[in-house]
Amino acid sequence: MPLVGFGCKKGAVLRGVRYVVVDPARAGTVYVSEFDAYTGGFGIYRSTDGGASGASFNQGLSNLRVSSLAVDQAGRGLHAGTFSSGVWDRSLP
């Protein structure tokens, strides 16, 4: 299902959305991973306004093909499983 928002140009959508994760410690913060079987992965996007806008959140992510995505219960870390590159962990402020 396409996802509209995240700063997409009018009429554009994110396709191949695999995971949508709400940050339990930060109101309005949402993480989305997108994957396209034909072109590969696009990594992770983060929105801090409930999805109205968003930006790439891939710093340090060596493989953009994300197979799982989670924020820990305390909201201190974002964790992404990747195809062939293991687990990527990022501390959240």
C-alpha atoms as a PDB file:
ATOM      1  CA  MET A   1       0.000   0.000   0.000  1.00  0.00           C
ATOM      2  CA  PRO A   2       1.438   3.406  -0.925  1.00  0.00           C
ATOM      3  CA  LEU A   3       2.002   5.920   1.855  1.00  0.00           C
ATOM      4  CA  VAL A   4       1.228   9.573   1.200  1.00  0.00           C
ATOM      5  CA  GLY A   5       3.015  12.276   3.178  1.00  0.00           C
ATOM      6  CA  PHE A   6       6.562  12.273   4.520  1.00  0.00           C
ATOM      7  CA  GLY A   7       7.339  15.329   2.447  1.00  0.00           C
ATOM      8  CA  CYS A   8       6.497  13.682  -0.876  1.00  0.00           C
ATOM      9  CA  LYS A   9       5.789  16.042  -3.746  1.00  0.00           C
ATOM     10  CA  LYS A  10       2.103  16.541  -4.433  1.00  0.00           C
ATOM     11  CA  GLY A  11       0.783  13.403  -6.075  1.00  0.00           C
ATOM     12  CA  ALA A  12       3.850  11.341  -5.137  1.00  0.00           C
ATOM     13  CA  VAL A  13       3.774   8.428  -2.707  1.00  0.00           C
ATOM     14  CA  LEU A  14       6.203   6.122  -0.953  1.00  0.00           C
ATOM     15  CA  ARG A  15       5.771   2.668  -2.452  1.00  0.00           C
ATOM     16  CA  GLY A  16       6.853  -0.596  -0.946  1.00  0.00           C
ATOM     17  CA  VAL A  17       6.490   0.557   2.656  1.00  0.00           C
ATOM     18  CA  ARG A  18       7.405  -2.395   4.836  1.00  0.00           C
ATOM     19  CA  TYR A  19       7.249  -1.013   8.373  1.00  0.00           C
ATOM     20  CA  VAL A  20       5.745   1.971  10.144  1.00  0.00           C
ATOM     21  CA  VAL A  21       7.003   2.386  13.715  1.00  0.00           C
ATOM     22  CA  VAL A  22       5.749   4.978  16.213  1.00  0.00           C
ATOM     23  CA  ASP A  23       8.302   6.260  18.716  1.00  0.00           C
ATOM     24  CA  PRO A  24       6.859   5.673  22.226  1.00  0.00           C
ATOM     25  CA  ALA A  25       8.969   8.450  23.793  1.00  0.00           C
ATOM     26  CA  ARG A  26       8.466  11.225  21.232  1.00  0.00           C
ATOM     27  CA  ALA A  27       4.966  12.352  20.310  1.00  0.00           C
ATOM     28  CA  GLY A  28       4.507  12.656  16.551  1.00  0.00           C
ATOM     29  CA  THR A  29       7.730  10.844  15.652  1.00  0.00           C
ATOM     30  CA  VAL A  30       7.304   8.034  13.142  1.00  0.00           C
ATOM     31  CA  TYR A  31       9.858   5.890  11.324  1.00  0.00           C
ATOM     32  CA  VAL A  32       9.130   4.205   8.005  1.00  0.00           C
ATOM     33  CA  SER A  33      11.207   1.728   6.035  1.00  0.00           C
ATOM     34  CA  GLU A  34      10.660   1.472   2.324  1.00  0.00           C
ATOM     35  CA  PHE A  35      11.740  -1.324   0.018  1.00  0.00           C
ATOM     36  CA  ASP A  36      11.265  -1.855  -3.693  1.00  0.00           C
ATOM     37  CA  ALA A  37      11.977  -5.346  -5.031  1.00  0.00           C
ATOM     38  CA  TYR A  38      13.085  -3.975  -8.384  1.00  0.00           C
ATOM     39  CA  THR A  39      15.325  -1.079  -7.395  1.00  0.00           C
ATOM     40  CA  GLY A  40      16.418  -2.142  -3.931  1.00  0.00           C
ATOM     41  CA  GLY A  41      15.999  -0.395  -0.635  1.00  0.00           C
ATOM     42  CA  PHE A  42      15.508   3.236   0.153  1.00  0.00           C
ATOM     43  CA  GLY A  43      16.269   2.872   3.837  1.00  0.00           C
ATOM     44  CA  ILE A  44      14.503   4.660   6.655  1.00  0.00           C
ATOM     45  CA  TYR A  45      12.565   7.909   6.769  1.00  0.00           C
ATOM     46  CA  ARG A  46      11.781   9.840   9.958  1.00  0.00           C
ATOM     47  CA  SER A  47       8.945  12.273  10.567  1.00  0.00           C
ATOM     48  CA  THR A  48       8.612  14.388  13.686  1.00  0.00           C
ATOM     49  CA  ASP A  49       5.201  15.816  12.740  1.00  0.00           C
ATOM     50  CA  GLY A  50       3.115  12.666  12.485  1.00  0.00           C
ATOM     51  CA  GLY A  51       4.015  11.997   8.856  1.00  0.00           C
ATOM     52  CA  ALA A  52       3.150  15.362   7.289  1.00  0.00           C
ATOM     53  CA  SER A  53       6.807  15.731   6.325  1.00  0.00           C
ATOM     54  CA  GLY A  54       9.877  13.587   6.677  1.00  0.00           C
ATOM     55  CA  ALA A  55      13.477  13.033   5.723  1.00  0.00           C
ATOM     56  CA  SER A  56      15.941  10.248   5.153  1.00  0.00           C
ATOM     57  CA  PHE A  57      17.314   8.816   8.409  1.00  0.00           C
ATOM     58  CA  ASN A  58      20.055   6.580   6.984  1.00  0.00           C
ATOM     59  CA  GLN A  59      23.250   7.917   8.557  1.00  0.00           C
ATOM     60  CA  GLY A  60      25.458   4.907   9.219  1.00  0.00           C
ATOM     61  CA  LEU A  61      23.064   2.479   7.542  1.00  0.00           C
ATOM     62  CA  SER A  62      25.280   0.553   5.116  1.00  0.00           C
ATOM     63  CA  ASN A  63      22.505  -1.535   3.535  1.00  0.00           C
ATOM     64  CA  LEU A  64      19.316   0.321   2.584  1.00  0.00           C
ATOM     65  CA  ARG A  65      17.357  -2.926   2.163  1.00  0.00           C
ATOM     66  CA  VAL A  66      15.625  -2.969   5.561  1.00  0.00           C
ATOM     67  CA  SER A  67      13.866  -6.213   6.530  1.00  0.00           C
ATOM     68  CA  SER A  68      12.661  -5.222  10.031  1.00  0.00           C
ATOM     69  CA  LEU A  69      12.373  -2.041  12.066  1.00  0.00           C
ATOM     70  CA  ALA A  70      11.779  -1.334  15.772  1.00  0.00           C
ATOM     71  CA  VAL A  71      12.165   1.321  18.454  1.00  0.00           C
ATOM     72  CA  ASP A  72      12.904  -0.033  21.916  1.00  0.00           C
ATOM     73  CA  GLN A  73      10.268   0.492  24.607  1.00  0.00           C
ATOM     74  CA  ALA A  74      12.221   3.267  26.302  1.00  0.00           C
ATOM     75  CA  GLY A  75      12.598   5.111  22.989  1.00  0.00           C
ATOM     76  CA  ARG A  76      16.375   5.167  23.297  1.00  0.00           C
ATOM     77  CA  GLY A  77      17.286   3.269  20.146  1.00  0.00           C
ATOM     78  CA  LEU A  78      16.150   2.504  16.623  1.00  0.00           C
ATOM     79  CA  HIS A  79      16.993  -0.973  15.349  1.00  0.00           C
ATOM     80  CA  ALA A  80      16.831  -2.147  11.742  1.00  0.00           C
ATOM     81  CA  GLY A  81      17.447  -5.618  10.405  1.00  0.00           C
ATOM     82  CA  THR A  82      18.972  -5.476   6.936  1.00  0.00           C
ATOM     83  CA  PHE A  83      19.342  -7.921   4.085  1.00  0.00           C
ATOM     84  CA  SER A  84      22.875  -9.373   4.359  1.00  0.00           C
ATOM     85  CA  SER A  85      24.331  -6.648   6.635  1.00  0.00           C
ATOM     86  CA  GLY A  86      22.983  -7.680  10.022  1.00  0.00           C
ATOM     87  CA  VAL A  87      21.359  -5.345  12.536  1.00  0.00           C
ATOM     88  CA  TRP A  88      21.866  -1.582  12.475  1.00  0.00           C
ATOM     89  CA  ASP A  89      21.403   0.256  15.776  1.00  0.00           C
ATOM     90  CA  ARG A  90      21.123   3.995  16.218  1.00  0.00           C
ATOM     91  CA  SER A  91      20.856   5.839  19.522  1.00  0.00           C
ATOM     92  CA  LEU A  92      18.019   8.327  19.691  1.00  0.00           C
ATOM     93  CA  PRO A  93      18.432  11.655  21.534  1.00  0.00           C
END
